[in-house]
PDB file of all heavy atoms in Angstrom:
ATOM      1  N   LEU A   1       1.160   3.413   3.627  1.00  0.00           N
ATOM      2  CA  LEU A   1       0.938   2.261   2.850  1.00  0.00           C
ATOM      3  C   LEU A   1      -0.082   2.682   1.723  1.00  0.00           C
ATOM      4  O   LEU A   1      -1.108   3.243   1.954  1.00  0.00           O
ATOM      5  CB  LEU A   1       0.136   1.114   3.605  1.00  0.00           C
ATOM      6  CG  LEU A   1       1.254   0.268   4.427  1.00  0.00           C
ATOM      7  CD1 LEU A   1       0.416  -0.522   5.439  1.00  0.00           C
ATOM      8  CD2 LEU A   1       1.983  -0.706   3.495  1.00  0.00           C
ATOM      9  N   HIS A   2       0.323   2.405   0.470  1.00  0.00           N
ATOM     10  CA  HIS A   2      -0.647   2.837  -0.637  1.00  0.00           C
ATOM     11  C   HIS A   2      -0.295   2.060  -1.910  1.00  0.00           C
ATOM     12  O   HIS A   2       0.875   1.515  -1.989  1.00  0.00           O
ATOM     13  CB  HIS A   2      -0.521   4.316  -0.830  1.00  0.00           C
ATOM     14  CG  HIS A   2       0.823   4.859  -1.338  1.00  0.00           C
ATOM     15  ND1 HIS A   2       1.878   4.731  -0.629  1.00  0.00           N
ATOM     16  CD2 HIS A   2       1.115   5.282  -2.558  1.00  0.00           C
ATOM     17  CE1 HIS A   2       2.940   5.247  -1.273  1.00  0.00           C
ATOM     18  NE2 HIS A   2       2.569   5.612  -2.423  1.00  0.00           N
ATOM     19  N   TRP A   3      -1.276   2.053  -2.820  1.00  0.00           N
ATOM     20  CA  TRP A   3      -0.982   1.457  -4.142  1.00  0.00           C
ATOM     21  C   TRP A   3      -0.636   2.496  -5.016  1.00  0.00           C
ATOM     22  O   TRP A   3      -1.222   3.669  -5.118  1.00  0.00           O
ATOM     23  CB  TRP A   3      -2.324   0.856  -4.589  1.00  0.00           C
ATOM     24  CG  TRP A   3      -2.843  -0.333  -3.870  1.00  0.00           C
ATOM     25  CD1 TRP A   3      -3.702  -0.250  -2.818  1.00  0.00           C
ATOM     26  CD2 TRP A   3      -2.440  -1.754  -3.891  1.00  0.00           C
ATOM     27  NE1 TRP A   3      -3.938  -1.555  -2.312  1.00  0.00           N
ATOM     28  CE2 TRP A   3      -3.130  -2.491  -3.061  1.00  0.00           C
ATOM     29  CE3 TRP A   3      -1.509  -2.374  -4.868  1.00  0.00           C
ATOM     30  CZ2 TRP A   3      -2.874  -3.878  -2.841  1.00  0.00           C
ATOM     31  CZ3 TRP A   3      -1.321  -3.718  -4.659  1.00  0.00           C
ATOM     32  CH2 TRP A   3      -1.993  -4.501  -3.724  1.00  0.00           C
ATOM     33  N   ILE A   4       0.412   2.265  -5.874  1.00  0.00           N
ATOM     34  CA  ILE A   4       0.938   3.394  -6.728  1.00  0.00           C
ATOM     35  C   ILE A   4       1.368   2.656  -8.033  1.00  0.00           C
ATOM     36  O   ILE A   4       1.857   1.514  -8.071  1.00  0.00           O
ATOM     37  CB  ILE A   4       2.209   4.060  -6.058  1.00  0.00           C
ATOM     38  CG1 ILE A   4       2.675   5.190  -6.839  1.00  0.00           C
ATOM     39  CG2 ILE A   4       3.239   3.020  -5.722  1.00  0.00           C
ATOM     40  CD1 ILE A   4       3.707   6.074  -6.183  1.00  0.00           C
ATOM     41  N   GLY A   5       1.123   3.502  -9.186  1.00  0.00           N
ATOM     42  CA  GLY A   5       1.544   2.950 -10.463  1.00  0.00           C
ATOM     43  C   GLY A   5       3.014   2.674 -10.531  1.00  0.00           C
ATOM     44  O   GLY A   5       3.897   3.348  -9.815  1.00  0.00           O
ATOM     45  N   LEU A   6       3.381   1.731 -11.386  1.00  0.00           N
ATOM     46  CA  LEU A   6       4.866   1.298 -11.465  1.00  0.00           C
ATOM     47  C   LEU A   6       5.664   2.483 -11.935  1.00  0.00           C
ATOM     48  O   LEU A   6       6.817   2.615 -11.280  1.00  0.00           O
ATOM     49  CB  LEU A   6       5.024   0.221 -12.462  1.00  0.00           C
ATOM     50  CG  LEU A   6       4.203  -1.133 -12.162  1.00  0.00           C
ATOM     51  CD1 LEU A   6       4.503  -2.173 -13.246  1.00  0.00           C
ATOM     52  CD2 LEU A   6       4.638  -1.631 -10.775  1.00  0.00           C
ATOM     53  N   ALA A   7       5.340   3.295 -12.779  1.00  0.00           N
ATOM     54  CA  ALA A   7       6.077   4.480 -13.216  1.00  0.00           C
ATOM     55  C   ALA A   7       6.142   5.567 -12.061  1.00  0.00           C
ATOM     56  O   ALA A   7       7.255   6.019 -11.746  1.00  0.00           O
ATOM     57  CB  ALA A   7       5.457   5.055 -14.478  1.00  0.00           C
ATOM     58  N   GLU A   8       5.052   5.778 -11.427  1.00  0.00           N
ATOM     59  CA  GLU A   8       5.042   6.739 -10.270  1.00  0.00           C
ATOM     60  C   GLU A   8       5.923   6.299  -9.170  1.00  0.00           C
ATOM     61  O   GLU A   8       6.520   7.092  -8.410  1.00  0.00           O
ATOM     62  CB  GLU A   8       3.633   6.981  -9.832  1.00  0.00           C
ATOM     63  CG  GLU A   8       2.722   7.800 -10.831  1.00  0.00           C
ATOM     64  CD  GLU A   8       2.187   6.928 -11.920  1.00  0.00           C
ATOM     65  OE1 GLU A   8       2.422   5.595 -11.879  1.00  0.00           O
ATOM     66  OE2 GLU A   8       1.529   7.380 -12.901  1.00  0.00           O
ATOM     67  N   ALA A   9       5.985   4.999  -8.956  1.00  0.00           N
ATOM     68  CA  ALA A   9       6.769   4.451  -7.831  1.00  0.00           C
ATOM     69  C   ALA A   9       8.255   4.760  -7.914  1.00  0.00           C
ATOM     70  O   ALA A   9       8.938   5.016  -6.998  1.00  0.00           O
ATOM     71  CB  ALA A   9       6.582   2.952  -7.664  1.00  0.00           C
ATOM     72  N   ARG A  10       8.687   4.903  -9.109  1.00  0.00           N
ATOM     73  CA  ARG A  10      10.135   5.243  -9.256  1.00  0.00           C
ATOM     74  C   ARG A  10      10.479   6.722  -8.783  1.00  0.00           C
ATOM     75  O   ARG A  10      11.679   6.998  -8.542  1.00  0.00           O
ATOM     76  CB  ARG A  10      10.521   5.194 -10.748  1.00  0.00           C
ATOM     77  CG  ARG A  10      10.388   3.683 -11.296  1.00  0.00           C
ATOM     78  CD  ARG A  10      11.105   3.524 -12.659  1.00  0.00           C
ATOM     79  NE  ARG A  10      10.960   2.162 -13.088  1.00  0.00           N
ATOM     80  CZ  ARG A  10      10.078   1.646 -13.818  1.00  0.00           C
ATOM     81  NH1 ARG A  10       9.002   2.516 -14.196  1.00  0.00           N
ATOM     82  NH2 ARG A  10      10.037   0.481 -14.176  1.00  0.00           N
ATOM     83  N   ALA A  11       9.499   7.496  -8.626  1.00  0.00           N
ATOM     84  CA  ALA A  11       9.790   8.928  -8.105  1.00  0.00           C
ATOM     85  C   ALA A  11       9.844   8.891  -6.575  1.00  0.00           C
ATOM     86  O   ALA A  11      10.173   9.930  -6.037  1.00  0.00           O
ATOM     87  CB  ALA A  11       8.578   9.809  -8.623  1.00  0.00           C
ATOM     88  N   LEU A  12       9.526   7.765  -5.887  1.00  0.00           N
ATOM     89  CA  LEU A  12       9.585   7.735  -4.498  1.00  0.00           C
ATOM     90  C   LEU A  12      11.142   7.579  -4.058  1.00  0.00           C
ATOM     91  O   LEU A  12      11.924   7.326  -4.939  1.00  0.00           O
ATOM     92  CB  LEU A  12       8.815   6.574  -4.033  1.00  0.00           C
ATOM     93  CG  LEU A  12       7.404   6.569  -4.196  1.00  0.00           C
ATOM     94  CD1 LEU A  12       6.719   5.238  -3.744  1.00  0.00           C
ATOM     95  CD2 LEU A  12       6.649   7.699  -3.485  1.00  0.00           C
ATOM     96  N   ASP A  13      11.336   7.724  -2.798  1.00  0.00           N
ATOM     97  CA  ASP A  13      12.718   7.593  -2.237  1.00  0.00           C
ATOM     98  C   ASP A  13      12.936   6.107  -2.061  1.00  0.00           C
ATOM     99  O   ASP A  13      12.598   5.628  -0.936  1.00  0.00           O
ATOM    100  CB  ASP A  13      12.770   8.400  -0.967  1.00  0.00           C
ATOM    101  CG  ASP A  13      14.248   8.294  -0.338  1.00  0.00           C
ATOM    102  OD1 ASP A  13      15.125   7.811  -1.093  1.00  0.00           O
ATOM    103  OD2 ASP A  13      14.302   8.859   0.699  1.00  0.00           O
ATOM    104  N   LEU A  14      13.476   5.556  -3.043  1.00  0.00           N
ATOM    105  CA  LEU A  14      13.635   4.033  -3.020  1.00  0.00           C
ATOM    106  C   LEU A  14      15.016   3.650  -2.798  1.00  0.00           C
ATOM    107  O   LEU A  14      15.951   4.241  -3.353  1.00  0.00           O
ATOM    108  CB  LEU A  14      13.147   3.407  -4.364  1.00  0.00           C
ATOM    109  CG  LEU A  14      11.784   3.788  -4.844  1.00  0.00           C
ATOM    110  CD1 LEU A  14      11.602   3.124  -6.218  1.00  0.00           C
ATOM    111  CD2 LEU A  14      10.658   3.235  -3.914  1.00  0.00           C
ATOM    112  N   PRO A  15      15.233   2.488  -2.124  1.00  0.00           N
ATOM    113  CA  PRO A  15      16.628   1.861  -2.048  1.00  0.00           C
ATOM    114  C   PRO A  15      16.931   1.441  -3.498  1.00  0.00           C
ATOM    115  O   PRO A  15      16.044   1.101  -4.341  1.00  0.00           O
ATOM    116  CB  PRO A  15      16.502   0.702  -1.167  1.00  0.00           C
ATOM    117  CG  PRO A  15      15.168   0.878  -0.390  1.00  0.00           C
ATOM    118  CD  PRO A  15      14.332   1.694  -1.319  1.00  0.00           C
ATOM    119  N   PHE A  16      18.312   1.414  -3.762  1.00  0.00           N
ATOM    120  CA  PHE A  16      18.623   0.953  -5.143  1.00  0.00           C
ATOM    121  C   PHE A  16      18.116  -0.408  -5.557  1.00  0.00           C
ATOM    122  O   PHE A  16      17.521  -0.559  -6.668  1.00  0.00           O
ATOM    123  CB  PHE A  16      20.144   0.857  -5.215  1.00  0.00           C
ATOM    124  CG  PHE A  16      20.587   0.223  -6.472  1.00  0.00           C
ATOM    125  CD1 PHE A  16      20.653   0.885  -7.760  1.00  0.00           C
ATOM    126  CD2 PHE A  16      21.309  -1.114  -6.338  1.00  0.00           C
ATOM    127  CE1 PHE A  16      21.006   0.101  -8.784  1.00  0.00           C
ATOM    128  CE2 PHE A  16      21.690  -1.733  -7.495  1.00  0.00           C
ATOM    129  CZ  PHE A  16      21.640  -1.144  -8.696  1.00  0.00           C
ATOM    130  N   ILE A  17      18.185  -1.414  -4.665  1.00  0.00           N
ATOM    131  CA  ILE A  17      17.596  -2.685  -4.932  1.00  0.00           C
ATOM    132  C   ILE A  17      16.230  -2.770  -5.174  1.00  0.00           C
ATOM    133  O   ILE A  17      15.716  -3.554  -6.008  1.00  0.00           O
ATOM    134  CB  ILE A  17      18.107  -3.714  -3.751  1.00  0.00           C
ATOM    135  CG1 ILE A  17      18.060  -5.203  -4.352  1.00  0.00           C
ATOM    136  CG2 ILE A  17      17.224  -3.579  -2.616  1.00  0.00           C
ATOM    137  CD1 ILE A  17      19.049  -5.401  -5.471  1.00  0.00           C
ATOM    138  N   THR A  18      15.431  -1.891  -4.558  1.00  0.00           N
ATOM    139  CA  THR A  18      13.994  -1.793  -4.703  1.00  0.00           C
ATOM    140  C   THR A  18      13.687  -1.370  -6.190  1.00  0.00           C
ATOM    141  O   THR A  18      12.844  -1.845  -6.866  1.00  0.00           O
ATOM    142  CB  THR A  18      13.367  -0.938  -3.696  1.00  0.00           C
ATOM    143  OG1 THR A  18      13.602  -1.473  -2.399  1.00  0.00           O
ATOM    144  CG2 THR A  18      11.875  -0.843  -3.882  1.00  0.00           C
ATOM    145  N   GLU A  19      14.448  -0.323  -6.601  1.00  0.00           N
ATOM    146  CA  GLU A  19      14.282   0.132  -7.995  1.00  0.00           C
ATOM    147  C   GLU A  19      14.594  -1.075  -9.019  1.00  0.00           C
ATOM    148  O   GLU A  19      13.882  -1.164  -9.970  1.00  0.00           O
ATOM    149  CB  GLU A  19      15.299   1.293  -8.302  1.00  0.00           C
ATOM    150  CG  GLU A  19      15.084   2.462  -7.595  1.00  0.00           C
ATOM    151  CD  GLU A  19      16.022   3.611  -7.951  1.00  0.00           C
ATOM    152  OE1 GLU A  19      16.267   3.717  -9.100  1.00  0.00           O
ATOM    153  OE2 GLU A  19      16.609   4.282  -7.044  1.00  0.00           O
ATOM    154  N   VAL A  20      15.639  -1.807  -8.725  1.00  0.00           N
ATOM    155  CA  VAL A  20      15.987  -2.890  -9.644  1.00  0.00           C
ATOM    156  C   VAL A  20      14.877  -3.975  -9.550  1.00  0.00           C
ATOM    157  O   VAL A  20      14.447  -4.492 -10.626  1.00  0.00           O
ATOM    158  CB  VAL A  20      17.425  -3.492  -9.338  1.00  0.00           C
ATOM    159  CG1 VAL A  20      17.588  -4.683 -10.181  1.00  0.00           C
ATOM    160  CG2 VAL A  20      18.413  -2.468  -9.386  1.00  0.00           C
ATOM    161  N   VAL A  21      14.396  -4.311  -8.487  1.00  0.00           N
ATOM    162  CA  VAL A  21      13.325  -5.337  -8.418  1.00  0.00           C
ATOM    163  C   VAL A  21      12.048  -4.701  -9.028  1.00  0.00           C
ATOM    164  O   VAL A  21      11.332  -5.637  -9.688  1.00  0.00           O
ATOM    165  CB  VAL A  21      13.057  -5.687  -6.854  1.00  0.00           C
ATOM    166  CG1 VAL A  21      11.837  -6.654  -6.781  1.00  0.00           C
ATOM    167  CG2 VAL A  21      14.245  -6.318  -6.314  1.00  0.00           C
ATOM    168  N   LEU A  22      11.783  -3.530  -8.908  1.00  0.00           N
ATOM    169  CA  LEU A  22      10.541  -2.914  -9.455  1.00  0.00           C
ATOM    170  C   LEU A  22      10.583  -3.147 -11.046  1.00  0.00           C
ATOM    171  O   LEU A  22       9.651  -3.517 -11.700  1.00  0.00           O
ATOM    172  CB  LEU A  22      10.405  -1.523  -9.125  1.00  0.00           C
ATOM    173  CG  LEU A  22       9.118  -0.860  -9.418  1.00  0.00           C
ATOM    174  CD1 LEU A  22       8.010  -1.478  -8.538  1.00  0.00           C
ATOM    175  CD2 LEU A  22       9.259   0.631  -9.035  1.00  0.00           C
ATOM    176  N   ALA A  23      11.830  -2.855 -11.672  1.00  0.00           N
ATOM    177  CA  ALA A  23      11.998  -3.105 -13.058  1.00  0.00           C
ATOM    178  C   ALA A  23      11.789  -4.482 -13.459  1.00  0.00           C
ATOM    179  O   ALA A  23      11.225  -4.830 -14.527  1.00  0.00           O
ATOM    180  CB  ALA A  23      13.304  -2.539 -13.481  1.00  0.00           C
ATOM    181  N   GLU A  24      12.300  -5.441 -12.738  1.00  0.00           N
ATOM    182  CA  GLU A  24      12.244  -6.815 -12.980  1.00  0.00           C
ATOM    183  C   GLU A  24      10.735  -7.357 -12.866  1.00  0.00           C
ATOM    184  O   GLU A  24      10.275  -8.028 -13.719  1.00  0.00           O
ATOM    185  CB  GLU A  24      13.129  -7.611 -12.020  1.00  0.00           C
ATOM    186  CG  GLU A  24      13.089  -9.199 -12.323  1.00  0.00           C
ATOM    187  CD  GLU A  24      13.745  -9.457 -13.622  1.00  0.00           C
ATOM    188  OE1 GLU A  24      14.508  -8.656 -14.156  1.00  0.00           O
ATOM    189  OE2 GLU A  24      13.576 -10.659 -14.141  1.00  0.00           O
ATOM    190  N   ALA A  25      10.074  -6.817 -11.901  1.00  0.00           N
ATOM    191  CA  ALA A  25       8.596  -7.204 -11.720  1.00  0.00           C
ATOM    192  C   ALA A  25       7.861  -6.662 -12.961  1.00  0.00           C
ATOM    193  O   ALA A  25       6.936  -7.384 -13.498  1.00  0.00           O
ATOM    194  CB  ALA A  25       8.085  -6.649 -10.413  1.00  0.00           C
ATOM    195  N   GLU A  26       8.165  -5.426 -13.402  1.00  0.00           N
ATOM    196  CA  GLU A  26       7.466  -4.933 -14.582  1.00  0.00           C
ATOM    197  C   GLU A  26       7.717  -5.883 -15.795  1.00  0.00           C
ATOM    198  O   GLU A  26       6.858  -6.076 -16.604  1.00  0.00           O
ATOM    199  CB  GLU A  26       8.029  -3.545 -14.780  1.00  0.00           C
ATOM    200  CG  GLU A  26       7.140  -2.857 -15.983  1.00  0.00           C
ATOM    201  CD  GLU A  26       7.483  -1.388 -16.098  1.00  0.00           C
ATOM    202  OE1 GLU A  26       8.249  -0.895 -15.292  1.00  0.00           O
ATOM    203  OE2 GLU A  26       6.874  -0.735 -16.979  1.00  0.00           O
ATOM    204  N   ALA A  27       8.899  -6.239 -15.927  1.00  0.00           N
ATOM    205  CA  ALA A  27       9.319  -7.153 -17.111  1.00  0.00           C
ATOM    206  C   ALA A  27       8.503  -8.337 -17.069  1.00  0.00           C
ATOM    207  O   ALA A  27       8.011  -8.909 -18.119  1.00  0.00           O
ATOM    208  CB  ALA A  27      10.812  -7.463 -17.156  1.00  0.00           C
ATOM    209  N   VAL A  28       8.331  -9.014 -15.797  1.00  0.00           N
ATOM    210  CA  VAL A  28       7.597 -10.314 -15.672  1.00  0.00           C
ATOM    211  C   VAL A  28       6.133  -9.997 -15.982  1.00  0.00           C
ATOM    212  O   VAL A  28       5.517 -10.819 -16.685  1.00  0.00           O
ATOM    213  CB  VAL A  28       7.746 -10.795 -14.264  1.00  0.00           C
ATOM    214  CG1 VAL A  28       6.851 -11.935 -14.110  1.00  0.00           C
ATOM    215  CG2 VAL A  28       9.254 -11.260 -14.018  1.00  0.00           C
ATOM    216  N   LEU A  29       5.523  -8.933 -15.541  1.00  0.00           N
ATOM    217  CA  LEU A  29       4.273  -8.598 -15.902  1.00  0.00           C
ATOM    218  C   LEU A  29       3.951  -8.317 -17.331  1.00  0.00           C
ATOM    219  O   LEU A  29       2.982  -8.743 -17.889  1.00  0.00           O
ATOM    220  CB  LEU A  29       3.831  -7.375 -15.076  1.00  0.00           C
ATOM    221  CG  LEU A  29       3.635  -7.512 -13.578  1.00  0.00           C
ATOM    222  CD1 LEU A  29       3.469  -6.109 -12.991  1.00  0.00           C
ATOM    223  CD2 LEU A  29       2.513  -8.424 -13.158  1.00  0.00           C
ATOM    224  N   ARG A  30       5.017  -7.792 -17.989  1.00  0.00           N
ATOM    225  CA  ARG A  30       4.858  -7.420 -19.379  1.00  0.00           C
ATOM    226  C   ARG A  30       5.070  -8.636 -20.295  1.00  0.00           C
ATOM    227  O   ARG A  30       4.437  -8.884 -21.323  1.00  0.00           O
ATOM    228  CB  ARG A  30       5.810  -6.326 -19.789  1.00  0.00           C
ATOM    229  CG  ARG A  30       5.589  -5.759 -21.116  1.00  0.00           C
ATOM    230  CD  ARG A  30       6.604  -4.656 -21.585  1.00  0.00           C
ATOM    231  NE  ARG A  30       6.464  -3.587 -20.596  1.00  0.00           N
ATOM    232  CZ  ARG A  30       5.619  -2.610 -20.686  1.00  0.00           C
ATOM    233  NH1 ARG A  30       4.691  -2.593 -21.564  1.00  0.00           N
ATOM    234  NH2 ARG A  30       5.608  -1.699 -19.741  1.00  0.00           N
TER     235      ARG A  30
END
């Protein structure tokens, strides 16, 4: 468990849907 920057998180081994949700969350934040 850890806090990670949005860009750095994409380098992790993510399920496809997690990648998509991460992008959507970034859009909402921005």
